[in-house]
Amino acid sequence: MKHFYFVTVFIILMLAAFFLLKHTFVVNSYCLTGAFLADNPTAQDIKNFKSAYGKKPFLVMVFIGWDKVVSEETIKNIYSEGCVMVVTWEPWNPASAEAIDYDKLLCGGYDSYIASFARQIKSVPGTVFIRFAHEANGNWYPWSGVKIGKQKYIALYRYVKDRFDALGVTNAKWIFSINCEDVPNEKNNRYLLYYPGDDYVDYIGIDGYNWGDTKPWSKWMSFAEIFSRRLEAVIQEIKKPVLITEFSSTSSGGDKAAWIAQALKSIKIMKNIKGFVLFNHDKETDWNFPPDSSSGRNLKQQLQDSYFKEKND
């Protein structure tokens, strides 16, 4: 009888573990869709994306320079469509590419502005992802680590988040967003040097583009070639969920339609990617995927997979 009792208990525990693992797998087996659509995305922009590609961009990115806040109309447009805003908050004047005074920031000289932005974010009817001072491991922004040093970069990030926390902004989720490559690729510019710490980061964001042959230094690269090595390092070194916070491809130098199809297939394999933001907007090159093009049709076909979610269940 005792033997029967232990066997019964063992079977019950095994079944419980099976159903728990099955439930966990189902819950975690997804990737949230997202896109950058325009500087001030409208509700119609979001509707157009869904009409073109079959899925709504749950994550909608906007870029905000220093001393600015997101327009109330933009916030209304995003949240009325059941989407969530990803704010790329850049501590500079983007029009002139001039840095702000980072020492002044750390001495409280911008506290009034930071507080006004924090209050706006707090009033948003839902979660807001904040991607502050992105790509510190590159050398193209004035807040880059190679320009201001790792200690000052971390201090800036922490200072801003601390101001938000002090004002009780509990709906903000903070993204430490890095470039897929360290530029320059030197020991003293490794992305991990700029990590603000687990208490200051909710998500890791990774940015990367297939520039094809549009630049003297670039070549055609698949999504996996761009992201795999950095993703593997982030998973090992930082225990945070991962978002692909910017990605796209040019059409110059290869087959863009095949590229986007393979990119979405790669994301499905890379189970640690919990969401992406497709840069679906022409800027330096043709990052867009026109709906009537082969690349647009391939994007739509891949997004039909239930793995890609248009809402956070």
Protein backbone atom coordinates (compact mmCIF):
# COMPACT_ATOMS: atom_id res chain seq x y z
CA MET A 1 0.00 0.00 0.00
CA LYS A 2 2.85 2.37 0.87
CA HIS A 3 4.45 1.64 -2.49
CA PHE A 4 1.17 2.43 -4.26
CA TYR A 5 0.91 5.71 -2.32
CA PHE A 6 4.37 6.88 -3.38
CA VAL A 7 3.75 5.91 -7.01
CA THR A 8 0.48 7.83 -6.98
CA VAL A 9 2.14 10.93 -5.51
CA PHE A 10 4.97 10.67 -8.07
CA ILE A 11 2.53 10.49 -10.96
CA ILE A 12 0.56 13.49 -9.66
CA LEU A 13 3.74 15.53 -9.30
CA MET A 14 4.90 14.59 -12.79
CA LEU A 15 1.55 15.56 -14.28
CA ALA A 16 1.59 18.86 -12.41
CA ALA A 17 5.09 19.60 -13.69
CA PHE A 18 4.06 18.70 -17.24
CA PHE A 19 1.06 21.02 -17.22
CA LEU A 20 3.12 23.80 -15.62
CA LEU A 21 5.82 23.49 -18.26
CA LYS A 22 3.23 23.32 -21.02
CA HIS A 23 1.50 26.43 -19.72
CA THR A 24 4.81 28.27 -19.38
CA PHE A 25 5.80 27.38 -22.93
CA VAL A 26 2.48 28.60 -24.34
CA VAL A 27 2.63 31.87 -22.40
CA ASN A 28 6.21 32.64 -23.42
CA SER A 29 6.02 31.50 -27.03
CA TYR A 30 5.30 34.79 -28.76
CA CYS A 31 6.76 37.98 -30.17
CA LEU A 32 5.00 41.34 -30.09
CA THR A 33 4.90 43.21 -33.38
CA GLY A 34 5.90 46.86 -33.62
CA ALA A 35 6.95 49.57 -36.01
CA PHE A 36 8.20 53.09 -36.46
CA LEU A 37 5.65 54.60 -38.85
CA ALA A 38 6.15 58.37 -38.76
CA ASP A 39 7.44 61.16 -36.55
CA ASN A 40 3.89 61.78 -35.31
CA PRO A 41 1.98 58.57 -36.01
CA THR A 42 -1.76 58.90 -36.46
CA ALA A 43 -4.50 56.38 -35.80
CA GLN A 44 -4.80 56.06 -39.58
CA ASP A 45 -1.09 55.18 -39.84
CA ILE A 46 -1.70 52.30 -37.44
CA LYS A 47 -4.81 51.18 -39.32
CA ASN A 48 -2.91 51.37 -42.61
CA PHE A 49 -0.15 49.13 -41.24
CA LYS A 50 -2.67 46.50 -40.21
CA SER A 51 -4.48 46.76 -43.54
CA ALA A 52 -1.19 46.38 -45.41
CA TYR A 53 0.45 43.62 -43.36
CA GLY A 54 -2.38 41.92 -41.50
CA LYS A 55 -1.19 42.74 -37.95
CA LYS A 56 -1.42 45.87 -35.89
CA PRO A 57 1.90 47.27 -34.62
CA PHE A 58 1.41 46.78 -30.90
CA LEU A 59 4.63 48.68 -30.18
CA VAL A 60 4.61 52.11 -31.85
CA MET A 61 7.85 54.07 -31.63
CA VAL A 62 8.28 57.82 -31.47
CA PHE A 63 11.48 59.89 -31.21
CA ILE A 64 11.65 62.85 -28.82
CA GLY A 65 14.48 65.36 -28.51
CA TRP A 66 15.45 67.15 -25.33
CA ASP A 67 13.12 69.83 -23.93
CA LYS A 68 10.24 68.25 -25.86
CA VAL A 69 7.33 66.04 -24.83
CA VAL A 70 5.16 63.75 -26.90
CA SER A 71 2.15 65.52 -28.40
CA GLU A 72 -1.10 64.65 -26.66
CA GLU A 73 -2.63 63.91 -30.06
CA THR A 74 0.04 61.28 -30.75
CA ILE A 75 -0.56 59.63 -27.38
CA LYS A 76 -4.30 59.57 -28.04
CA ASN A 77 -3.78 58.10 -31.51
CA ILE A 78 -1.57 55.28 -30.23
CA TYR A 79 -3.60 54.23 -27.20
CA SER A 80 -7.00 54.59 -28.86
CA GLU A 81 -5.86 51.83 -31.23
CA GLY A 82 -4.91 49.53 -28.37
CA CYS A 83 -1.18 49.99 -28.96
CA VAL A 84 1.68 50.88 -26.64
CA MET A 85 4.15 53.74 -27.12
CA VAL A 86 7.91 53.25 -27.23
CA VAL A 87 9.57 56.63 -26.61
CA THR A 88 13.11 56.97 -27.90
CA TRP A 89 14.20 59.89 -25.72
CA GLU A 90 17.31 61.57 -27.07
CA PRO A 91 19.31 63.95 -24.84
CA TRP A 92 20.26 66.38 -27.61
CA ASN A 93 18.78 68.80 -30.12
CA PRO A 94 18.14 66.48 -33.10
CA ALA A 95 17.71 69.36 -35.55
CA SER A 96 21.19 70.73 -34.90
CA ALA A 97 22.74 67.49 -33.57
CA GLU A 98 24.04 69.51 -30.60
CA ALA A 99 24.50 67.89 -27.22
CA ILE A 100 22.82 69.19 -24.12
CA ASP A 101 24.94 70.04 -21.08
CA TYR A 102 25.27 66.65 -19.41
CA ASP A 103 26.97 68.09 -16.34
CA LYS A 104 24.07 70.50 -15.96
CA LEU A 105 21.66 67.56 -16.11
CA LEU A 106 23.51 65.75 -13.32
CA CYS A 107 23.47 68.94 -11.21
CA GLY A 108 19.68 69.28 -11.47
CA GLY A 109 19.64 71.96 -14.15
CA TYR A 110 16.99 70.15 -16.20
CA ASP A 111 14.90 68.83 -13.33
CA SER A 112 11.88 70.96 -14.22
CA TYR A 113 11.76 69.60 -17.75
CA ILE A 114 12.33 66.00 -16.63
CA ALA A 115 9.51 66.35 -14.11
CA SER A 116 7.11 67.71 -16.72
CA PHE A 117 7.91 64.80 -19.03
CA ALA A 118 7.56 62.34 -16.17
CA ARG A 119 4.13 63.72 -15.28
CA GLN A 120 3.02 63.38 -18.89
CA ILE A 121 4.14 59.75 -19.05
CA LYS A 122 2.44 59.06 -15.72
CA SER A 123 -0.85 60.35 -17.15
CA VAL A 124 -0.76 57.97 -20.14
CA PRO A 125 -3.52 55.33 -19.85
CA GLY A 126 -1.22 52.34 -20.11
CA THR A 127 2.36 51.14 -20.19
CA VAL A 128 5.00 53.34 -21.84
CA PHE A 129 8.40 51.99 -22.86
CA ILE A 130 11.17 54.56 -22.44
CA ARG A 131 14.32 54.07 -24.48
CA PHE A 132 16.63 56.71 -23.08
CA ALA A 133 19.99 57.65 -24.65
CA HIS A 134 20.12 54.68 -26.99
CA GLU A 135 23.15 53.10 -28.70
CA ALA A 136 25.74 54.24 -26.17
CA ASN A 137 28.13 51.65 -27.60
CA GLY A 138 28.21 53.49 -30.94
CA ASN A 139 30.22 56.63 -31.65
CA TRP A 140 27.65 58.75 -33.51
CA TYR A 141 25.71 60.39 -30.65
CA PRO A 142 27.12 63.00 -28.25
CA TRP A 143 26.07 60.78 -25.29
CA SER A 144 28.09 57.85 -26.69
CA GLY A 145 30.27 56.18 -24.12
CA VAL A 146 33.42 56.79 -26.14
CA LYS A 147 32.65 60.53 -25.96
CA ILE A 148 31.49 61.04 -22.37
CA GLY A 149 32.80 57.91 -20.64
CA LYS A 150 31.00 54.98 -19.08
CA GLN A 151 30.65 56.54 -15.62
CA LYS A 152 28.91 59.66 -16.89
CA TYR A 153 26.64 57.71 -19.23
CA ILE A 154 25.47 55.43 -16.42
CA ALA A 155 25.04 58.44 -14.13
CA LEU A 156 22.84 60.18 -16.73
CA TYR A 157 20.63 57.16 -17.23
CA ARG A 158 20.24 56.55 -13.50
CA TYR A 159 19.61 60.22 -12.73
CA VAL A 160 16.73 60.45 -15.20
CA LYS A 161 15.10 57.21 -14.08
CA ASP A 162 15.48 58.19 -10.43
CA ARG A 163 13.55 61.41 -11.12
CA PHE A 164 10.73 59.37 -12.68
CA ASP A 165 10.69 56.96 -9.76
CA ALA A 166 10.58 59.82 -7.27
CA LEU A 167 7.43 61.08 -9.00
CA GLY A 168 5.80 57.67 -8.89
CA VAL A 169 5.82 56.94 -12.61
CA THR A 170 5.01 53.26 -12.27
CA ASN A 171 3.71 52.71 -15.82
CA ALA A 172 7.12 53.34 -17.41
CA LYS A 173 9.23 50.39 -18.56
CA TRP A 174 12.87 51.25 -19.19
CA ILE A 175 14.85 49.91 -22.16
CA PHE A 176 18.63 49.90 -22.21
CA SER A 177 19.05 49.95 -25.98
CA ILE A 178 22.35 49.07 -27.64
CA ASN A 179 23.71 48.78 -31.14
CA CYS A 180 24.23 45.28 -32.52
CA GLU A 181 27.95 46.02 -32.82
CA ASP A 182 30.30 47.99 -30.60
CA VAL A 183 31.63 50.90 -32.66
CA PRO A 184 34.56 51.18 -32.37
CA ASN A 185 35.00 47.50 -31.61
CA GLU A 186 37.45 47.91 -28.76
CA LYS A 187 37.74 46.44 -25.28
CA ASN A 188 36.98 49.79 -23.65
CA ASN A 189 33.77 50.24 -25.68
CA ARG A 190 31.98 47.00 -24.95
CA TYR A 191 28.20 47.49 -24.56
CA LEU A 192 28.18 45.90 -21.11
CA LEU A 193 30.37 48.70 -19.74
CA TYR A 194 27.41 51.09 -20.07
CA TYR A 195 24.77 48.89 -18.43
CA PRO A 196 23.03 50.99 -15.73
CA GLY A 197 22.20 47.98 -13.55
CA ASP A 198 19.30 45.59 -13.05
CA ASP A 199 17.35 48.03 -10.87
CA TYR A 200 17.33 50.57 -13.70
CA VAL A 201 16.48 48.36 -16.65
CA ASP A 202 13.36 46.37 -17.54
CA TYR A 203 14.26 45.35 -21.09
CA ILE A 204 17.35 45.14 -23.28
CA GLY A 205 16.89 46.62 -26.74
CA ILE A 206 19.13 45.74 -29.69
CA ASP A 207 19.30 47.83 -32.90
CA GLY A 208 20.63 46.68 -36.24
CA TYR A 209 20.19 47.26 -39.97
CA ASN A 210 21.10 45.55 -43.19
CA TRP A 211 22.76 48.44 -45.03
CA GLY A 212 23.56 46.27 -48.06
CA ASP A 213 26.02 48.06 -50.34
CA THR A 214 24.78 51.59 -49.55
CA LYS A 215 27.88 52.49 -47.50
CA PRO A 216 31.60 52.04 -48.16
CA TRP A 217 31.86 49.98 -44.96
CA SER A 218 28.70 47.90 -45.35
CA LYS A 219 27.78 44.60 -46.96
CA TRP A 220 24.61 42.56 -47.36
CA MET A 221 23.83 40.79 -44.08
CA SER A 222 20.99 38.55 -42.97
CA PHE A 223 19.00 39.24 -39.80
CA ALA A 224 20.75 36.33 -38.09
CA GLU A 225 24.19 37.66 -39.07
CA ILE A 226 23.29 41.07 -37.65
CA PHE A 227 21.74 39.98 -34.36
CA SER A 228 22.67 36.41 -33.35
CA ARG A 229 26.03 37.03 -31.71
CA ARG A 230 24.89 40.08 -29.77
CA LEU A 231 21.65 38.38 -28.69
CA GLU A 232 23.57 35.38 -27.40
CA ALA A 233 25.88 37.65 -25.38
CA VAL A 234 22.99 39.64 -23.90
CA ILE A 235 21.17 36.46 -22.86
CA GLN A 236 24.29 35.19 -21.10
CA GLU A 237 25.34 38.46 -19.48
CA ILE A 238 22.08 40.25 -18.62
CA LYS A 239 19.01 38.38 -17.39
CA LYS A 240 16.39 40.67 -18.92
CA PRO A 241 13.81 40.19 -21.68
CA VAL A 242 14.99 41.33 -25.11
CA LEU A 243 13.38 43.56 -27.73
CA ILE A 244 14.70 44.27 -31.21
CA THR A 245 14.18 48.02 -30.95
CA GLU A 246 15.17 48.95 -34.51
CA PHE A 247 15.65 46.81 -37.59
CA SER A 248 15.14 46.98 -41.33
CA SER A 249 16.82 46.36 -44.67
CA THR A 250 17.72 48.30 -47.76
CA SER A 251 17.02 46.80 -51.19
CA SER A 252 20.46 47.74 -52.53
CA GLY A 253 22.81 44.80 -52.77
CA GLY A 254 20.49 41.83 -52.40
CA ASP A 255 16.97 40.42 -52.31
CA LYS A 256 14.94 42.47 -49.83
CA ALA A 257 11.87 40.25 -50.12
CA ALA A 258 13.86 37.15 -49.20
CA TRP A 259 15.59 39.12 -46.42
CA ILE A 260 12.40 40.07 -44.57
CA ALA A 261 10.94 36.58 -44.92
CA GLN A 262 14.06 35.07 -43.39
CA ALA A 263 14.22 37.78 -40.72
CA LEU A 264 10.79 36.88 -39.34
CA LYS A 265 11.65 33.17 -39.48
CA SER A 266 14.84 33.91 -37.52
CA ILE A 267 12.88 35.83 -34.87
CA LYS A 268 10.67 32.78 -34.37
CA ILE A 269 13.73 30.64 -33.74
CA MET A 270 15.25 33.23 -31.36
CA LYS A 271 12.75 32.60 -28.54
CA ASN A 272 14.28 35.27 -26.29
CA ILE A 273 13.05 38.08 -28.55
CA LYS A 274 9.79 39.24 -26.97
CA GLY A 275 9.03 42.06 -29.40
CA PHE A 276 10.37 44.03 -32.35
CA VAL A 277 10.11 47.49 -33.86
CA LEU A 278 10.39 47.45 -37.65
CA PHE A 279 11.71 50.72 -39.05
CA ASN A 280 9.12 50.94 -41.83
CA HIS A 281 9.99 54.44 -42.98
CA ASP A 282 12.46 55.69 -45.59
CA LYS A 283 15.29 57.70 -44.13
CA GLU A 284 18.93 57.14 -45.03
CA THR A 285 17.83 54.55 -47.57
CA ASP A 286 14.70 52.63 -48.52
CA TRP A 287 13.87 51.06 -45.17
CA ASN A 288 10.20 50.87 -46.13
CA PHE A 289 8.37 47.69 -47.22
CA PRO A 290 5.73 48.91 -49.70
CA PRO A 291 2.57 46.76 -49.39
CA ASP A 292 2.38 46.21 -53.16
CA SER A 293 6.03 45.08 -53.41
CA SER A 294 7.37 41.55 -53.01
CA SER A 295 9.03 42.56 -49.74
CA GLY A 296 5.76 43.94 -48.41
CA ARG A 297 3.88 40.80 -49.43
CA ASN A 298 6.50 38.61 -47.75
CA LEU A 299 6.25 40.68 -44.59
CA LYS A 300 2.49 40.21 -44.56
CA GLN A 301 2.78 36.48 -45.19
CA GLN A 302 5.19 35.96 -42.30
CA LEU A 303 3.14 38.09 -39.88
CA GLN A 304 0.16 35.80 -40.43
CA ASP A 305 1.85 33.36 -38.07
CA SER A 306 0.13 33.38 -34.67
CA TYR A 307 3.57 33.64 -33.04
CA PHE A 308 3.51 37.35 -33.87
CA LYS A 309 1.07 39.15 -31.59
CA GLU A 310 -0.71 42.46 -32.07
CA LYS A 311 -1.67 42.67 -28.41
CA ASN A 312 -0.16 41.63 -25.10
CA ASP A 313 -2.56 38.94 -23.88
